[in-house]
Amino acid sequence: MKYLLVIILVALSPFTDLDRIATVNKLKKEAREAYNNGNYQKALDNYKYLIDSMEVSDDNIRLNMANAYYKLNDTTQAVNNYTEVADSKSNSIRSVAQQQLGVIANKSKKHEEALQHFKEALKADPANEEARYNYELLKKILKEKEQQQDPQDKQDKQDQQQKDKEQQQKDQQQKDQQKQDQQKQEQEQEGQQQKDQEQEGEGKEDEQEQKDGEKKDEQGEEKKDKPQPQDGEESDEENKNQQDQMSSFSDKLEEMKISEEKAKMILEALKNKEIQYYQENKRKATKRKDPNKPDW
């Protein structure tokens, strides 16, 4: 039984492949006829069925499906499908895909991008006259547009450049003025700080003078209030001076190698001689006495 089933499947398989091929060819033919008749949706449905349902891998079908999307104004899907076959191994398919991508870019005013697509189309197939025509035409238009710019645009551009230059100068002047104002403010602050310091110094001097005056007054009051020593009494300061004099006198005697007793004897002798000298001078008359007047 198993062998019989296998034989039947083997016998029927050629007919299954033939049916699939026939179906694919039928759908392609119907899609082509629909496209040529302007029924782009019918053509698109057939191509989608071939790729999605029957899993047919064919760059021609993908390119035709992209053309159908383009005719239906679905540029997003058209670009996606053209991009799928832009690197096809077939030079003719790759050239047509790049050509169509250039047309779509040119309509979107992406002129530089369109020019590049047209150039790639010519590289893939130099015999693609449509791509050549579009390339030469777009290149000429861009060159003329560059050479023949609107005078008003030039003037506007010059005016804008002049405005930008004036604005830059104005901004620079504002920066310079701000810098000058800042420097002036800093100088004023420094002058005020110096003035404050001088005033503070003068205040300290006045305060110190006042303190010194108060101190002198206090010392004067203390000196005034201090009790004077009584008669017959010596102050501590006088005692100290006497002690210092005695100490100095003792040091001098020691240097002269004279004893204190001998020094007293010398002083006593000098004192007696001085008294005698005064007495003798007193006895000598400097003027003749009047006999009529008493001695006293």
C-alpha atoms as a PDB file:
ATOM      1  CA  MET A   1       0.000   0.000   0.000  1.00  0.00           C
ATOM      2  CA  LYS A   2       2.842   2.410   0.901  1.00  0.00           C
ATOM      3  CA  TYR A   3       4.663   1.674  -2.316  1.00  0.00           C
ATOM      4  CA  LEU A   4       1.532   2.373  -4.323  1.00  0.00           C
ATOM      5  CA  LEU A   5       1.096   5.793  -2.642  1.00  0.00           C
ATOM      6  CA  VAL A   6       4.698   6.727  -3.373  1.00  0.00           C
ATOM      7  CA  ILE A   7       4.325   5.725  -7.012  1.00  0.00           C
ATOM      8  CA  ILE A   8       1.179   7.866  -7.325  1.00  0.00           C
ATOM      9  CA  LEU A   9       2.887  10.934  -5.758  1.00  0.00           C
ATOM     10  CA  VAL A  10       5.902  10.549  -8.022  1.00  0.00           C
ATOM     11  CA  ALA A  11       3.647  10.200 -11.031  1.00  0.00           C
ATOM     12  CA  LEU A  12       1.605  13.272 -10.082  1.00  0.00           C
ATOM     13  CA  SER A  13       4.551  15.592  -9.095  1.00  0.00           C
ATOM     14  CA  PRO A  14       5.495  16.599 -12.678  1.00  0.00           C
ATOM     15  CA  PHE A  15       1.938  17.630 -13.318  1.00  0.00           C
ATOM     16  CA  THR A  16       1.987  19.743 -10.037  1.00  0.00           C
ATOM     17  CA  ASP A  17       5.142  21.657 -11.095  1.00  0.00           C
ATOM     18  CA  LEU A  18       3.708  22.200 -14.506  1.00  0.00           C
ATOM     19  CA  ASP A  19       0.510  23.583 -12.993  1.00  0.00           C
ATOM     20  CA  ARG A  20       2.512  25.992 -10.782  1.00  0.00           C
ATOM     21  CA  ILE A  21       4.552  27.245 -13.701  1.00  0.00           C
ATOM     22  CA  ALA A  22       1.402  27.691 -15.712  1.00  0.00           C
ATOM     23  CA  THR A  23      -0.213  29.668 -12.882  1.00  0.00           C
ATOM     24  CA  VAL A  24       2.826  31.930 -12.513  1.00  0.00           C
ATOM     25  CA  ASN A  25       2.950  32.639 -16.218  1.00  0.00           C
ATOM     26  CA  LYS A  26      -0.785  33.323 -16.288  1.00  0.00           C
ATOM     27  CA  LEU A  27      -0.533  35.833 -13.421  1.00  0.00           C
ATOM     28  CA  LYS A  28       2.448  37.584 -15.043  1.00  0.00           C
ATOM     29  CA  LYS A  29       0.573  37.901 -18.338  1.00  0.00           C
ATOM     30  CA  GLU A  30      -2.547  39.251 -16.667  1.00  0.00           C
ATOM     31  CA  ALA A  31      -0.467  41.733 -14.628  1.00  0.00           C
ATOM     32  CA  ARG A  32       1.356  42.956 -17.748  1.00  0.00           C
ATOM     33  CA  GLU A  33      -1.890  43.403 -19.678  1.00  0.00           C
ATOM     34  CA  ALA A  34      -3.507  45.200 -16.744  1.00  0.00           C
ATOM     35  CA  TYR A  35      -0.480  47.539 -16.411  1.00  0.00           C
ATOM     36  CA  ASN A  36      -0.491  48.342 -20.133  1.00  0.00           C
ATOM     37  CA  ASN A  37      -4.232  49.059 -19.961  1.00  0.00           C
ATOM     38  CA  GLY A  38      -3.696  51.432 -17.035  1.00  0.00           C
ATOM     39  CA  ASN A  39      -5.224  49.074 -14.478  1.00  0.00           C
ATOM     40  CA  TYR A  40      -2.292  49.446 -12.089  1.00  0.00           C
ATOM     41  CA  GLN A  41      -4.134  48.114  -9.043  1.00  0.00           C
ATOM     42  CA  LYS A  42      -4.943  44.812 -10.827  1.00  0.00           C
ATOM     43  CA  ALA A  43      -1.324  44.522 -11.919  1.00  0.00           C
ATOM     44  CA  LEU A  44      -0.153  45.255  -8.394  1.00  0.00           C
ATOM     45  CA  ASP A  45      -2.447  42.607  -6.890  1.00  0.00           C
ATOM     46  CA  ASN A  46      -1.062  39.962  -9.258  1.00  0.00           C
ATOM     47  CA  TYR A  47       2.555  40.876  -8.521  1.00  0.00           C
ATOM     48  CA  LYS A  48       1.932  40.853  -4.765  1.00  0.00           C
ATOM     49  CA  TYR A  49       0.257  37.447  -5.026  1.00  0.00           C
ATOM     50  CA  LEU A  50       3.218  36.071  -6.941  1.00  0.00           C
ATOM     51  CA  ILE A  51       5.747  37.344  -4.377  1.00  0.00           C
ATOM     52  CA  ASP A  52       3.830  36.946  -1.101  1.00  0.00           C
ATOM     53  CA  SER A  53       1.625  33.869  -1.698  1.00  0.00           C
ATOM     54  CA  MET A  54       3.481  31.876  -4.321  1.00  0.00           C
ATOM     55  CA  GLU A  55       6.884  33.002  -2.997  1.00  0.00           C
ATOM     56  CA  VAL A  56       8.279  33.730  -6.431  1.00  0.00           C
ATOM     57  CA  SER A  57      11.759  35.309  -6.191  1.00  0.00           C
ATOM     58  CA  ASP A  58      12.169  37.347  -9.356  1.00  0.00           C
ATOM     59  CA  ASP A  59      13.748  40.826  -9.648  1.00  0.00           C
ATOM     60  CA  ASN A  60      11.615  41.539 -12.728  1.00  0.00           C
ATOM     61  CA  ILE A  61       8.414  40.987 -10.746  1.00  0.00           C
ATOM     62  CA  ARG A  62       9.764  43.189  -7.891  1.00  0.00           C
ATOM     63  CA  LEU A  63      10.668  45.950 -10.398  1.00  0.00           C
ATOM     64  CA  ASN A  64       7.236  45.772 -12.039  1.00  0.00           C
ATOM     65  CA  MET A  65       5.545  45.907  -8.639  1.00  0.00           C
ATOM     66  CA  ALA A  66       7.601  49.042  -7.816  1.00  0.00           C
ATOM     67  CA  ASN A  67       6.443  50.566 -11.130  1.00  0.00           C
ATOM     68  CA  ALA A  68       2.811  49.808 -10.225  1.00  0.00           C
ATOM     69  CA  TYR A  69       3.239  51.503  -6.827  1.00  0.00           C
ATOM     70  CA  TYR A  70       4.803  54.523  -8.570  1.00  0.00           C
ATOM     71  CA  LYS A  71       1.852  54.792 -10.966  1.00  0.00           C
ATOM     72  CA  LEU A  72      -0.518  54.641  -7.989  1.00  0.00           C
ATOM     73  CA  ASN A  73       1.411  57.553  -6.389  1.00  0.00           C
ATOM     74  CA  ASP A  74       2.533  55.429  -3.459  1.00  0.00           C
ATOM     75  CA  THR A  75       6.091  56.747  -3.535  1.00  0.00           C
ATOM     76  CA  THR A  76       7.065  55.222  -0.190  1.00  0.00           C
ATOM     77  CA  GLN A  77       6.345  51.659  -1.344  1.00  0.00           C
ATOM     78  CA  ALA A  78       7.787  52.452  -4.746  1.00  0.00           C
ATOM     79  CA  VAL A  79      11.076  53.619  -3.242  1.00  0.00           C
ATOM     80  CA  ASN A  80      11.231  50.559  -0.978  1.00  0.00           C
ATOM     81  CA  ASN A  81      10.801  48.140  -3.878  1.00  0.00           C
ATOM     82  CA  TYR A  82      13.141  50.047  -6.223  1.00  0.00           C
ATOM     83  CA  THR A  83      15.745  49.965  -3.468  1.00  0.00           C
ATOM     84  CA  GLU A  84      15.284  46.168  -3.181  1.00  0.00           C
ATOM     85  CA  VAL A  85      16.496  45.695  -6.753  1.00  0.00           C
ATOM     86  CA  ALA A  86      18.919  48.677  -6.959  1.00  0.00           C
ATOM     87  CA  ASP A  87      21.747  46.184  -6.337  1.00  0.00           C
ATOM     88  CA  SER A  88      20.397  43.460  -8.637  1.00  0.00           C
ATOM     89  CA  LYS A  89      22.830  41.247 -10.531  1.00  0.00           C
ATOM     90  CA  SER A  90      21.043  42.281 -13.705  1.00  0.00           C
ATOM     91  CA  ASN A  91      22.546  45.496 -15.058  1.00  0.00           C
ATOM     92  CA  SER A  92      19.363  46.462 -16.878  1.00  0.00           C
ATOM     93  CA  ILE A  93      17.168  45.988 -13.768  1.00  0.00           C
ATOM     94  CA  ARG A  94      19.682  47.889 -11.592  1.00  0.00           C
ATOM     95  CA  SER A  95      19.825  50.723 -14.148  1.00  0.00           C
ATOM     96  CA  VAL A  96      16.033  51.094 -14.333  1.00  0.00           C
ATOM     97  CA  ALA A  97      15.720  51.033 -10.515  1.00  0.00           C
ATOM     98  CA  GLN A  98      18.357  53.793 -10.111  1.00  0.00           C
ATOM     99  CA  GLN A  99      16.705  55.777 -12.911  1.00  0.00           C
ATOM    100  CA  GLN A 100      13.327  55.680 -11.129  1.00  0.00           C
ATOM    101  CA  LEU A 101      14.860  56.565  -7.774  1.00  0.00           C
ATOM    102  CA  GLY A 102      16.382  59.593  -9.484  1.00  0.00           C
ATOM    103  CA  VAL A 103      13.017  60.651 -10.905  1.00  0.00           C
ATOM    104  CA  ILE A 104      11.359  60.422  -7.470  1.00  0.00           C
ATOM    105  CA  ALA A 105      14.203  62.382  -5.801  1.00  0.00           C
ATOM    106  CA  ASN A 106      14.037  65.078  -8.485  1.00  0.00           C
ATOM    107  CA  LYS A 107      10.294  65.519  -7.921  1.00  0.00           C
ATOM    108  CA  SER A 108      11.024  65.972  -4.207  1.00  0.00           C
ATOM    109  CA  LYS A 109      13.522  68.743  -5.175  1.00  0.00           C
ATOM    110  CA  LYS A 110      16.434  66.646  -3.973  1.00  0.00           C
ATOM    111  CA  HIS A 111      18.399  67.578  -7.057  1.00  0.00           C
ATOM    112  CA  GLU A 112      21.856  66.493  -5.924  1.00  0.00           C
ATOM    113  CA  GLU A 113      20.527  63.100  -4.837  1.00  0.00           C
ATOM    114  CA  ALA A 114      18.635  62.685  -8.120  1.00  0.00           C
ATOM    115  CA  LEU A 115      21.767  63.522 -10.125  1.00  0.00           C
ATOM    116  CA  GLN A 116      23.665  60.811  -8.258  1.00  0.00           C
ATOM    117  CA  HIS A 117      20.954  58.196  -8.994  1.00  0.00           C
ATOM    118  CA  PHE A 118      20.998  59.076 -12.707  1.00  0.00           C
ATOM    119  CA  LYS A 119      24.775  58.730 -12.691  1.00  0.00           C
ATOM    120  CA  GLU A 120      24.532  55.260 -11.087  1.00  0.00           C
ATOM    121  CA  ALA A 121      21.924  54.247 -13.690  1.00  0.00           C
ATOM    122  CA  LEU A 122      24.334  55.154 -16.501  1.00  0.00           C
ATOM    123  CA  LYS A 123      27.136  53.230 -14.819  1.00  0.00           C
ATOM    124  CA  ALA A 124      24.945  50.119 -14.673  1.00  0.00           C
ATOM    125  CA  ASP A 125      23.731  50.473 -18.271  1.00  0.00           C
ATOM    126  CA  PRO A 126      25.306  53.132 -20.509  1.00  0.00           C
ATOM    127  CA  ALA A 127      22.636  52.340 -23.106  1.00  0.00           C
ATOM    128  CA  ASN A 128      19.891  53.672 -20.818  1.00  0.00           C
ATOM    129  CA  GLU A 129      19.052  56.757 -22.882  1.00  0.00           C
ATOM    130  CA  GLU A 130      16.328  57.942 -20.532  1.00  0.00           C
ATOM    131  CA  ALA A 131      18.764  58.012 -17.622  1.00  0.00           C
ATOM    132  CA  ARG A 132      21.327  59.822 -19.791  1.00  0.00           C
ATOM    133  CA  TYR A 133      18.801  62.436 -20.879  1.00  0.00           C
ATOM    134  CA  ASN A 134      17.666  63.058 -17.298  1.00  0.00           C
ATOM    135  CA  TYR A 135      21.262  63.274 -16.078  1.00  0.00           C
ATOM    136  CA  GLU A 136      22.366  65.776 -18.727  1.00  0.00           C
ATOM    137  CA  LEU A 137      19.226  67.873 -18.373  1.00  0.00           C
ATOM    138  CA  LEU A 138      19.399  68.095 -14.567  1.00  0.00           C
ATOM    139  CA  LYS A 139      23.117  68.846 -14.634  1.00  0.00           C
ATOM    140  CA  LYS A 140      22.537  71.698 -17.107  1.00  0.00           C
ATOM    141  CA  ILE A 141      19.681  73.133 -15.044  1.00  0.00           C
ATOM    142  CA  LEU A 142      21.742  73.115 -11.848  1.00  0.00           C
ATOM    143  CA  LYS A 143      24.661  74.804 -13.611  1.00  0.00           C
ATOM    144  CA  GLU A 144      22.468  77.526 -15.105  1.00  0.00           C
ATOM    145  CA  LYS A 145      20.758  78.066 -11.797  1.00  0.00           C
ATOM    146  CA  GLU A 146      24.134  78.535 -10.155  1.00  0.00           C
ATOM    147  CA  GLN A 147      25.351  80.957 -12.840  1.00  0.00           C
ATOM    148  CA  GLN A 148      22.096  82.890 -13.172  1.00  0.00           C
ATOM    149  CA  GLN A 149      21.090  83.551  -9.627  1.00  0.00           C
ATOM    150  CA  ASP A 150      18.379  86.075  -9.041  1.00  0.00           C
ATOM    151  CA  PRO A 151      19.972  89.530  -8.534  1.00  0.00           C
ATOM    152  CA  GLN A 152      17.548  90.130  -5.714  1.00  0.00           C
ATOM    153  CA  ASP A 153      18.817  86.979  -4.009  1.00  0.00           C
ATOM    154  CA  LYS A 154      22.368  88.265  -4.368  1.00  0.00           C
ATOM    155  CA  GLN A 155      21.354  91.628  -2.956  1.00  0.00           C
ATOM    156  CA  ASP A 156      19.483  89.980  -0.113  1.00  0.00           C
ATOM    157  CA  LYS A 157      22.517  87.860   0.617  1.00  0.00           C
ATOM    158  CA  GLN A 158      24.792  90.911   0.631  1.00  0.00           C
ATOM    159  CA  ASP A 159      22.345  92.814   2.829  1.00  0.00           C
ATOM    160  CA  GLN A 160      22.196  89.913   5.229  1.00  0.00           C
ATOM    161  CA  GLN A 161      25.983  89.702   5.347  1.00  0.00           C
ATOM    162  CA  GLN A 162      26.156  93.446   6.025  1.00  0.00           C
ATOM    163  CA  LYS A 163      23.572  93.135   8.787  1.00  0.00           C
ATOM    164  CA  ASP A 164      25.477  90.251  10.326  1.00  0.00           C
ATOM    165  CA  LYS A 165      28.689  92.291  10.209  1.00  0.00           C
ATOM    166  CA  GLU A 166      27.026  95.321  11.812  1.00  0.00           C
ATOM    167  CA  GLN A 167      25.472  93.120  14.468  1.00  0.00           C
ATOM    168  CA  GLN A 168      28.862  91.608  15.243  1.00  0.00           C
ATOM    169  CA  GLN A 169      30.381  95.082  15.560  1.00  0.00           C
ATOM    170  CA  LYS A 170      27.521  96.166  17.797  1.00  0.00           C
ATOM    171  CA  ASP A 171      27.921  93.102  19.982  1.00  0.00           C
ATOM    172  CA  GLN A 172      31.665  93.742  20.223  1.00  0.00           C
ATOM    173  CA  GLN A 173      31.050  97.380  21.214  1.00  0.00           C
ATOM    174  CA  GLN A 174      28.616  96.269  23.893  1.00  0.00           C
ATOM    175  CA  LYS A 175      31.168  93.807  25.212  1.00  0.00           C
ATOM    176  CA  ASP A 176      33.861  96.512  25.267  1.00  0.00           C
ATOM    177  CA  GLN A 177      31.515  98.947  27.039  1.00  0.00           C
ATOM    178  CA  GLN A 178      30.560  96.318  29.599  1.00  0.00           C
ATOM    179  CA  LYS A 179      34.247  95.623  30.177  1.00  0.00           C
ATOM    180  CA  GLN A 180      34.987  99.335  30.654  1.00  0.00           C
ATOM    181  CA  ASP A 181      32.038  99.722  33.037  1.00  0.00           C
ATOM    182  CA  GLN A 182      33.218  96.744  35.022  1.00  0.00           C
ATOM    183  CA  GLN A 183      36.757  98.130  35.254  1.00  0.00           C
ATOM    184  CA  LYS A 184      35.404 101.531  36.326  1.00  0.00           C
ATOM    185  CA  GLN A 185      33.235  99.909  38.957  1.00  0.00           C
ATOM    186  CA  GLU A 186      36.191  97.910  40.264  1.00  0.00           C
ATOM    187  CA  GLN A 187      38.316 101.079  40.446  1.00  0.00           C
ATOM    188  CA  GLU A 188      35.553 102.890  42.346  1.00  0.00           C
ATOM    189  CA  GLN A 189      35.265  99.985  44.755  1.00  0.00           C
ATOM    190  CA  GLU A 190      39.035  99.981  45.307  1.00  0.00           C
ATOM    191  CA  GLY A 191      38.986 103.773  45.901  1.00  0.00           C
ATOM    192  CA  GLN A 192      36.122 103.430  48.366  1.00  0.00           C
ATOM    193  CA  GLN A 193      37.921 100.626  50.188  1.00  0.00           C
ATOM    194  CA  GLN A 194      41.091 102.731  50.392  1.00  0.00           C
ATOM    195  CA  LYS A 195      39.094 105.702  51.653  1.00  0.00           C
ATOM    196  CA  ASP A 196      37.384 103.535  54.263  1.00  0.00           C
ATOM    197  CA  GLN A 197      40.755 102.212  55.382  1.00  0.00           C
ATOM    198  CA  GLU A 198      42.154 105.759  55.708  1.00  0.00           C
ATOM    199  CA  GLN A 199      39.121 106.871  57.700  1.00  0.00           C
ATOM    200  CA  GLU A 200      39.432 103.813  59.871  1.00  0.00           C
ATOM    201  CA  GLY A 201      43.141 104.607  60.438  1.00  0.00           C
ATOM    202  CA  GLU A 202      42.323 108.230  61.349  1.00  0.00           C
ATOM    203  CA  GLY A 203      39.657 107.010  63.739  1.00  0.00           C
ATOM    204  CA  LYS A 204      42.152 104.710  65.402  1.00  0.00           C
ATOM    205  CA  GLU A 205      44.670 107.572  65.723  1.00  0.00           C
ATOM    206  CA  ASP A 206      42.053 109.825  67.293  1.00  0.00           C
ATOM    207  CA  GLU A 207      41.052 107.040  69.614  1.00  0.00           C
ATOM    208  CA  GLN A 208      44.684 106.436  70.566  1.00  0.00           C
ATOM    209  CA  GLU A 209      45.254 110.169  71.184  1.00  0.00           C
ATOM    210  CA  GLN A 210      42.158 110.240  73.332  1.00  0.00           C
ATOM    211  CA  LYS A 211      43.372 107.238  75.283  1.00  0.00           C
ATOM    212  CA  ASP A 212      46.828 108.820  75.692  1.00  0.00           C
ATOM    213  CA  GLY A 213      45.193 112.045  76.927  1.00  0.00           C
ATOM    214  CA  GLU A 214      43.068 110.126  79.364  1.00  0.00           C
ATOM    215  CA  LYS A 215      46.134 108.253  80.538  1.00  0.00           C
ATOM    216  CA  LYS A 216      48.066 111.503  81.090  1.00  0.00           C
ATOM    217  CA  ASP A 217      45.127 112.944  82.983  1.00  0.00           C
ATOM    218  CA  GLU A 218      44.983 109.833  85.144  1.00  0.00           C
ATOM    219  CA  GLN A 219      48.719 110.048  85.791  1.00  0.00           C
ATOM    220  CA  GLY A 220      48.360 113.754  86.645  1.00  0.00           C
ATOM    221  CA  GLU A 221      45.545 112.988  89.051  1.00  0.00           C
ATOM    222  CA  GLU A 222      47.579 110.212  90.616  1.00  0.00           C
ATOM    223  CA  LYS A 223      50.557 112.560  90.989  1.00  0.00           C
ATOM    224  CA  LYS A 224      48.327 115.258  92.424  1.00  0.00           C
ATOM    225  CA  ASP A 225      46.634 112.902  94.854  1.00  0.00           C
ATOM    226  CA  LYS A 226      49.894 111.279  95.916  1.00  0.00           C
ATOM    227  CA  PRO A 227      50.819 112.469  99.490  1.00  0.00           C
ATOM    228  CA  GLN A 228      54.088 114.454  99.838  1.00  0.00           C
ATOM    229  CA  PRO A 229      56.635 113.261 102.331  1.00  0.00           C
ATOM    230  CA  GLN A 230      56.630 115.074 105.785  1.00  0.00           C
ATOM    231  CA  ASP A 231      59.507 117.214 107.093  1.00  0.00           C
ATOM    232  CA  GLY A 232      62.383 115.085 108.403  1.00  0.00           C
ATOM    233  CA  GLU A 233      61.206 112.098 106.368  1.00  0.00           C
ATOM    234  CA  GLU A 234      62.706 110.890 103.117  1.00  0.00           C
ATOM    235  CA  SER A 235      60.768 109.333 100.308  1.00  0.00           C
ATOM    236  CA  ASP A 236      61.602 105.934  98.976  1.00  0.00           C
ATOM    237  CA  GLU A 237      62.965 107.504  95.810  1.00  0.00           C
ATOM    238  CA  GLU A 238      65.397 109.735  97.725  1.00  0.00           C
ATOM    239  CA  ASN A 239      66.576 106.784  99.786  1.00  0.00           C
ATOM    240  CA  LYS A 240      67.154 104.862  96.609  1.00  0.00           C
ATOM    241  CA  ASN A 241      69.142 107.748  95.090  1.00  0.00           C
ATOM    242  CA  GLN A 242      71.266 108.001  98.201  1.00  0.00           C
ATOM    243  CA  GLN A 243      71.898 104.311  98.174  1.00  0.00           C
ATOM    244  CA  ASP A 244      72.910 104.508  94.513  1.00  0.00           C
ATOM    245  CA  GLN A 245      75.268 107.419  95.267  1.00  0.00           C
ATOM    246  CA  MET A 246      76.823 105.556  98.195  1.00  0.00           C
ATOM    247  CA  SER A 247      77.287 102.486  96.096  1.00  0.00           C
ATOM    248  CA  SER A 248      78.915 104.557  93.349  1.00  0.00           C
ATOM    249  CA  PHE A 249      81.136 106.334  95.929  1.00  0.00           C
ATOM    250  CA  SER A 250      82.221 102.984  97.375  1.00  0.00           C
ATOM    251  CA  ASP A 251      83.070 101.699  93.896  1.00  0.00           C
ATOM    252  CA  LYS A 252      85.229 104.777  93.215  1.00  0.00           C
ATOM    253  CA  LEU A 253      87.085 104.418  96.527  1.00  0.00           C
ATOM    254  CA  GLU A 254      87.736 100.821  95.720  1.00  0.00           C
ATOM    255  CA  GLU A 255      89.146 101.811  92.330  1.00  0.00           C
ATOM    256  CA  MET A 256      91.396 104.454  93.979  1.00  0.00           C
ATOM    257  CA  LYS A 257      92.437 101.938  96.625  1.00  0.00           C
ATOM    258  CA  ILE A 258      91.518 104.309  99.490  1.00  0.00           C
ATOM    259  CA  SER A 259      89.695 103.133 102.586  1.00  0.00           C
ATOM    260  CA  GLU A 260      86.510 104.733 103.714  1.00  0.00           C
ATOM    261  CA  GLU A 261      88.032 106.059 106.960  1.00  0.00           C
ATOM    262  CA  LYS A 262      90.899 107.689 105.107  1.00  0.00           C
ATOM    263  CA  ALA A 263      88.452 109.233 102.658  1.00  0.00           C
ATOM    264  CA  LYS A 264      86.462 110.683 105.601  1.00  0.00           C
ATOM    265  CA  MET A 265      89.613 112.161 107.075  1.00  0.00           C
ATOM    266  CA  ILE A 266      90.500 113.794 103.745  1.00  0.00           C
ATOM    267  CA  LEU A 267      86.971 115.190 103.417  1.00  0.00           C
ATOM    268  CA  GLU A 268      87.029 116.493 106.982  1.00  0.00           C
ATOM    269  CA  ALA A 269      90.374 118.214 106.385  1.00  0.00           C
ATOM    270  CA  LEU A 270      89.080 119.820 103.182  1.00  0.00           C
ATOM    271  CA  LYS A 271      85.976 120.977 104.986  1.00  0.00           C
ATOM    272  CA  ASN A 272      88.009 122.603 107.813  1.00  0.00           C
ATOM    273  CA  LYS A 273      90.271 124.317 105.314  1.00  0.00           C
ATOM    274  CA  GLU A 274      87.234 125.670 103.446  1.00  0.00           C
ATOM    275  CA  ILE A 275      85.814 127.081 106.717  1.00  0.00           C
ATOM    276  CA  GLN A 276      89.090 128.694 107.566  1.00  0.00           C
ATOM    277  CA  TYR A 277      89.255 130.240 104.087  1.00  0.00           C
ATOM    278  CA  TYR A 278      85.825 131.819 104.507  1.00  0.00           C
ATOM    279  CA  GLN A 279      86.673 133.179 107.939  1.00  0.00           C
ATOM    280  CA  GLU A 280      89.872 134.813 106.737  1.00  0.00           C
ATOM    281  CA  ASN A 281      88.108 136.483 103.829  1.00  0.00           C
ATOM    282  CA  LYS A 282      85.435 137.771 106.162  1.00  0.00           C
ATOM    283  CA  ARG A 283      87.978 139.584 108.372  1.00  0.00           C
ATOM    284  CA  LYS A 284      89.536 141.481 105.477  1.00  0.00           C
ATOM    285  CA  ALA A 285      87.930 144.904 105.003  1.00  0.00           C
ATOM    286  CA  THR A 286      86.897 145.738 101.547  1.00  0.00           C
ATOM    287  CA  LYS A 287      85.915 149.351 102.492  1.00  0.00           C
ATOM    288  CA  ARG A 288      86.998 151.722 105.224  1.00  0.00           C
ATOM    289  CA  LYS A 289      84.523 151.907 108.058  1.00  0.00           C
ATOM    290  CA  ASP A 290      82.745 155.074 108.956  1.00  0.00           C
ATOM    291  CA  PRO A 291      83.809 155.989 112.537  1.00  0.00           C
ATOM    292  CA  ASN A 292      80.479 157.546 113.131  1.00  0.00           C
ATOM    293  CA  LYS A 293      78.548 154.312 112.472  1.00  0.00           C
ATOM    294  CA  PRO A 294      78.448 151.194 114.629  1.00  0.00           C
ATOM    295  CA  ASP A 295      80.042 148.001 113.459  1.00  0.00           C
ATOM    296  CA  TRP A 296      76.778 146.278 112.983  1.00  0.00           C
END
